[in-house]
C-alpha atoms as a PDB file:
ATOM      1  CA  GLU A   1     -45.501 -87.456  68.139  1.00  0.00           C
ATOM      2  CA  ASN A   2     -48.058 -84.699  68.804  1.00  0.00           C
ATOM      3  CA  LYS A   3     -50.252 -85.856  65.933  1.00  0.00           C
ATOM      4  CA  LYS A   4     -50.364 -89.375  67.362  1.00  0.00           C
ATOM      5  CA  ILE A   5     -51.413 -88.036  70.771  1.00  0.00           C
ATOM      6  CA  LEU A   6     -54.269 -86.037  69.237  1.00  0.00           C
ATOM      7  CA  ILE A   7     -55.572 -89.078  67.398  1.00  0.00           C
ATOM      8  CA  ASP A   8     -55.156 -91.376  70.424  1.00  0.00           C
ATOM      9  CA  VAL A   9     -57.158 -89.155  72.764  1.00  0.00           C
ATOM     10  CA  GLY A  10     -60.410 -89.687  70.900  1.00  0.00           C
ATOM     11  CA  CYS A  11     -59.911 -93.077  69.358  1.00  0.00           C
ATOM     12  CA  ASP A  12     -57.651 -95.232  71.498  1.00  0.00           C
ATOM     13  CA  THR A  13     -58.164 -94.001  75.039  1.00  0.00           C
ATOM     14  CA  MET A  14     -61.948 -93.542  74.796  1.00  0.00           C
ATOM     15  CA  PRO A  15     -63.173 -95.808  71.992  1.00  0.00           C
ATOM     16  CA  GLY A  16     -66.602 -96.373  73.566  1.00  0.00           C
ATOM     17  CA  PHE A  17     -67.259 -92.640  73.806  1.00  0.00           C
ATOM     18  CA  SER A  18     -66.016 -92.134  70.256  1.00  0.00           C
ATOM     19  CA  PHE A  19     -68.390 -94.875  69.088  1.00  0.00           C
ATOM     20  CA  LEU A  20     -71.385 -93.274  70.845  1.00  0.00           C
ATOM     21  CA  CYS A  21     -70.553 -89.885  69.346  1.00  0.00           C
ATOM     22  CA  VAL A  22     -70.387 -91.261  65.811  1.00  0.00           C
ATOM     23  CA  ILE A  23     -73.798 -92.925  66.211  1.00  0.00           C
ATOM     24  CA  LEU A  24     -75.368 -89.760  67.644  1.00  0.00           C
ATOM     25  CA  ILE A  25     -73.997 -87.563  64.857  1.00  0.00           C
ATOM     26  CA  LEU A  26     -75.013 -90.072  62.177  1.00  0.00           C
ATOM     27  CA  VAL A  27     -78.597 -90.256  63.420  1.00  0.00           C
ATOM     28  CA  THR A  28     -78.669 -86.459  63.680  1.00  0.00           C
ATOM     29  CA  PHE A  29     -77.487 -86.303  60.061  1.00  0.00           C
ATOM     30  CA  LEU A  30     -80.151 -88.775  58.943  1.00  0.00           C
ATOM     31  CA  VAL A  31     -83.016 -87.230  60.932  1.00  0.00           C
ATOM     32  CA  TYR A  32     -82.254 -83.746  59.664  1.00  0.00           C
ATOM     33  CA  ASN A  33     -81.773 -84.739  56.040  1.00  0.00           C
ATOM     34  CA  ILE A  34     -84.701 -87.192  55.879  1.00  0.00           C
ATOM     35  CA  LEU A  35     -87.295 -85.764  58.267  1.00  0.00           C
ATOM     36  CA  LEU A  36     -86.539 -82.102  58.834  1.00  0.00           C
ATOM     37  CA  ALA A  37     -84.971 -80.567  55.737  1.00  0.00           C
ATOM     38  CA  ASP A  38     -87.999 -79.137  53.954  1.00  0.00           C
ATOM     39  CA  GLN A  39     -85.984 -76.987  51.582  1.00  0.00           C
ATOM     40  CA  THR A  40     -85.385 -77.240  47.886  1.00  0.00           C
ATOM     41  CA  PRO A  41     -81.910 -78.490  46.950  1.00  0.00           C
ATOM     42  CA  LEU A  42     -80.986 -74.947  45.914  1.00  0.00           C
ATOM     43  CA  GLU A  43     -82.043 -73.578  49.326  1.00  0.00           C
ATOM     44  CA  TYR A  44     -80.293 -76.396  51.162  1.00  0.00           C
ATOM     45  CA  PHE A  45     -76.972 -76.061  49.346  1.00  0.00           C
ATOM     46  CA  SER A  46     -76.965 -72.263  49.187  1.00  0.00           C
ATOM     47  CA  SER A  47     -76.658 -72.044  52.974  1.00  0.00           C
ATOM     48  CA  LEU A  48     -73.028 -72.739  53.867  1.00  0.00           C
ATOM     49  CA  SER A  49     -73.776 -73.146  57.566  1.00  0.00           C
ATOM     50  CA  ASN A  50     -76.576 -75.619  56.796  1.00  0.00           C
ATOM     51  CA  VAL A  51     -74.373 -77.740  54.543  1.00  0.00           C
ATOM     52  CA  LEU A  52     -71.483 -77.650  57.021  1.00  0.00           C
ATOM     53  CA  MET A  53     -73.553 -78.530  60.099  1.00  0.00           C
ATOM     54  CA  HIS A  54     -75.900 -81.085  58.580  1.00  0.00           C
ATOM     55  CA  CYS A  55     -73.827 -82.696  55.858  1.00  0.00           C
ATOM     56  CA  ILE A  56     -70.064 -82.064  55.775  1.00  0.00           C
ATOM     57  CA  LEU A  57     -69.236 -82.238  59.497  1.00  0.00           C
ATOM     58  CA  PRO A  58     -71.259 -85.394  60.209  1.00  0.00           C
ATOM     59  CA  LEU A  59     -69.682 -87.151  57.233  1.00  0.00           C
ATOM     60  CA  LEU A  60     -66.188 -86.059  58.284  1.00  0.00           C
ATOM     61  CA  PHE A  61     -66.867 -87.314  61.804  1.00  0.00           C
ATOM     62  CA  ILE A  62     -67.864 -90.707  60.385  1.00  0.00           C
ATOM     63  CA  PHE A  63     -64.782 -90.807  58.130  1.00  0.00           C
ATOM     64  CA  HIS A  64     -62.661 -90.024  61.183  1.00  0.00           C
ATOM     65  CA  TRP A  65     -64.194 -92.991  62.991  1.00  0.00           C
ATOM     66  CA  VAL A  66     -63.572 -95.272  60.012  1.00  0.00           C
ATOM     67  CA  LEU A  67     -59.960 -94.195  59.546  1.00  0.00           C
ATOM     68  CA  PHE A  68     -58.644 -93.574  63.075  1.00  0.00           C
ATOM     69  CA  TYR A  69     -60.815 -95.508  65.492  1.00  0.00           C
ATOM     70  CA  LYS A  70     -59.240 -98.460  67.302  1.00  0.00           C
ATOM     71  CA  HIS A  71     -61.538-101.104  65.830  1.00  0.00           C
ATOM     72  CA  GLY A  72     -62.353-104.304  67.660  1.00  0.00           C
ATOM     73  CA  THR A  73     -62.743-102.735  71.091  1.00  0.00           C
ATOM     74  CA  MET A  74     -66.532-102.638  71.185  1.00  0.00           C
ATOM     75  CA  HIS A  75     -68.638-104.765  73.503  1.00  0.00           C
ATOM     76  CA  TRP A  76     -72.014-106.217  72.488  1.00  0.00           C
ATOM     77  CA  TYR A  77     -73.928-103.939  74.883  1.00  0.00           C
ATOM     78  CA  GLN A  78     -72.445-100.614  73.733  1.00  0.00           C
ATOM     79  CA  PRO A  79     -74.955-100.077  70.907  1.00  0.00           C
ATOM     80  CA  LEU A  80     -77.669-100.215  73.599  1.00  0.00           C
ATOM     81  CA  LEU A  81     -76.051 -97.146  75.162  1.00  0.00           C
ATOM     82  CA  CYS A  82     -76.787 -95.243  71.939  1.00  0.00           C
ATOM     83  CA  MET A  83     -80.360 -94.840  73.164  1.00  0.00           C
ATOM     84  CA  VAL A  84     -79.450 -93.135  76.458  1.00  0.00           C
ATOM     85  CA  MET A  85     -78.761 -89.611  75.133  1.00  0.00           C
ATOM     86  CA  PRO A  86     -81.887 -89.453  72.947  1.00  0.00           C
ATOM     87  CA  LEU A  87     -84.006 -90.698  75.859  1.00  0.00           C
ATOM     88  CA  LEU A  88     -82.516 -88.082  78.182  1.00  0.00           C
ATOM     89  CA  TYR A  89     -83.228 -85.415  75.568  1.00  0.00           C
ATOM     90  CA  VAL A  90     -86.860 -86.519  75.212  1.00  0.00           C
ATOM     91  CA  ILE A  91     -87.288 -86.564  78.986  1.00  0.00           C
ATOM     92  CA  TYR A  92     -85.878 -83.035  79.118  1.00  0.00           C
ATOM     93  CA  ILE A  93     -88.264 -81.844  76.365  1.00  0.00           C
ATOM     94  CA  VAL A  94     -91.301 -83.384  78.082  1.00  0.00           C
ATOM     95  CA  ILE A  95     -90.365 -81.870  81.462  1.00  0.00           C
ATOM     96  CA  ARG A  96     -89.593 -78.502  79.825  1.00  0.00           C
ATOM     97  CA  ALA A  97     -92.866 -78.320  77.850  1.00  0.00           C
ATOM     98  CA  PRO A  98     -95.209 -77.004  80.564  1.00  0.00           C
ATOM     99  CA  PHE A  99     -92.703 -74.312  81.519  1.00  0.00           C
ATOM    100  CA  VAL A 100     -92.372 -72.852  78.000  1.00  0.00           C
ATOM    101  CA  LYS A 101     -95.944 -73.331  76.805  1.00  0.00           C
ATOM    102  CA  GLY A 102     -97.390 -69.961  75.841  1.00  0.00           C
ATOM    103  CA  LYS A 103     -94.084 -68.073  76.079  1.00  0.00           C
ATOM    104  CA  PRO A 104     -93.386 -65.995  72.969  1.00  0.00           C
ATOM    105  CA  GLY A 105     -90.430 -67.057  70.844  1.00  0.00           C
ATOM    106  CA  LEU A 106     -90.089 -70.491  72.429  1.00  0.00           C
ATOM    107  CA  ASP A 107     -91.116 -73.696  70.728  1.00  0.00           C
ATOM    108  CA  VAL A 108     -92.745 -76.109  73.130  1.00  0.00           C
ATOM    109  CA  TRP A 109     -91.917 -79.046  70.883  1.00  0.00           C
ATOM    110  CA  PRO A 110     -88.729 -78.452  68.858  1.00  0.00           C
ATOM    111  CA  TYR A 111     -89.527 -81.161  66.275  1.00  0.00           C
ATOM    112  CA  PHE A 112     -92.780 -82.364  64.759  1.00  0.00           C
ATOM    113  CA  PHE A 113     -92.060 -85.947  65.846  1.00  0.00           C
ATOM    114  CA  LEU A 114     -91.933 -84.824  69.486  1.00  0.00           C
ATOM    115  CA  ASP A 115     -95.057 -82.643  69.335  1.00  0.00           C
ATOM    116  CA  MET A 116     -97.200 -84.415  71.894  1.00  0.00           C
ATOM    117  CA  ASP A 117     -99.953 -81.805  71.509  1.00  0.00           C
ATOM    118  CA  SER A 118    -100.596 -82.618  67.857  1.00  0.00           C
ATOM    119  CA  LEU A 119     -99.560 -86.296  67.839  1.00  0.00           C
ATOM    120  CA  GLY A 120    -101.147 -87.334  71.105  1.00  0.00           C
ATOM    121  CA  ILE A 121     -99.384 -89.677  73.477  1.00  0.00           C
ATOM    122  CA  GLY A 122     -99.744 -92.647  71.106  1.00  0.00           C
ATOM    123  CA  GLY A 123     -98.221 -90.824  68.123  1.00  0.00           C
ATOM    124  CA  PHE A 124     -95.477 -89.409  70.301  1.00  0.00           C
ATOM    125  CA  LEU A 125     -94.599 -92.876  71.632  1.00  0.00           C
ATOM    126  CA  ARG A 126     -94.662 -94.354  68.111  1.00  0.00           C
ATOM    127  CA  TRP A 127     -92.134 -91.745  66.901  1.00  0.00           C
ATOM    128  CA  LEU A 128     -90.023 -92.260  70.008  1.00  0.00           C
ATOM    129  CA  PHE A 129     -90.008 -96.028  69.418  1.00  0.00           C
ATOM    130  CA  VAL A 130     -89.081 -95.620  65.729  1.00  0.00           C
ATOM    131  CA  LEU A 131     -86.233 -93.241  66.525  1.00  0.00           C
ATOM    132  CA  LEU A 132     -84.888 -95.413  69.343  1.00  0.00           C
ATOM    133  CA  ILE A 133     -84.948 -98.431  67.033  1.00  0.00           C
ATOM    134  CA  ALA A 134     -83.048 -96.346  64.449  1.00  0.00           C
ATOM    135  CA  PHE A 135     -80.378 -95.510  67.049  1.00  0.00           C
ATOM    136  CA  LEU A 136     -80.168 -99.161  68.037  1.00  0.00           C
ATOM    137  CA  ALA A 137     -80.053-100.479  64.456  1.00  0.00           C
ATOM    138  CA  ILE A 138     -77.344 -98.031  63.425  1.00  0.00           C
ATOM    139  CA  GLY A 139     -75.448 -98.811  66.612  1.00  0.00           C
ATOM    140  CA  TYR A 140     -75.441-102.532  65.846  1.00  0.00           C
ATOM    141  CA  LEU A 141     -74.620-101.890  62.171  1.00  0.00           C
ATOM    142  CA  PHE A 142     -71.520 -99.977  63.237  1.00  0.00           C
ATOM    143  CA  TYR A 143     -70.762-102.623  65.865  1.00  0.00           C
ATOM    144  CA  GLY A 144     -70.822-105.215  63.072  1.00  0.00           C
ATOM    145  CA  LEU A 145     -68.556-103.062  60.895  1.00  0.00           C
ATOM    146  CA  ASP A 146     -66.202-102.629  63.833  1.00  0.00           C
ATOM    147  CA  ARG A 147     -66.003-106.406  64.286  1.00  0.00           C
ATOM    148  CA  LEU A 148     -65.562-106.970  60.562  1.00  0.00           C
ATOM    149  CA  TRP A 149     -62.690-104.472  60.326  1.00  0.00           C
ATOM    150  CA  LYS A 150     -61.019-106.021  63.374  1.00  0.00           C
ATOM    151  CA  HIS A 151     -61.027-109.446  61.729  1.00  0.00           C
ATOM    152  CA  LYS A 152     -59.779-108.033  58.411  1.00  0.00           C
ATOM    153  CA  LYS A 153     -56.774-106.478  60.190  1.00  0.00           C
ATOM    154  CA  GLN A 154     -55.853-109.823  61.782  1.00  0.00           C
END
């Protein structure tokens, strides 16, 4: 009984939130491993914390969604919501930038694709557009999988 309650909390009672979380963690996984990981494979895999945070945990989170999520509950507009958190984060970074500029030990722009100083506003907006489209595309891919699995169960 207790095991069922634990599974239901994340997957049956809040399926929309669970869906958004899986998209956010998947894009985080992809961005880190495609754009940010500038290590050799030996360096990457020799750091247990790196492998756990950027590989194992995101994949386990996705497997959890596949296995335990109440499929078929998504609405067509929910993948659009996948862009809200990244947009809020970017807004925070842009507002924060003038306050941390020149302070030792603080990165003004935490990622190269958000570095408005080196990219300029056009480059910054291009990266923002590409990343938002990635969130949207992955959101609708998972929405399609959700619909497909619902119909397979019926």
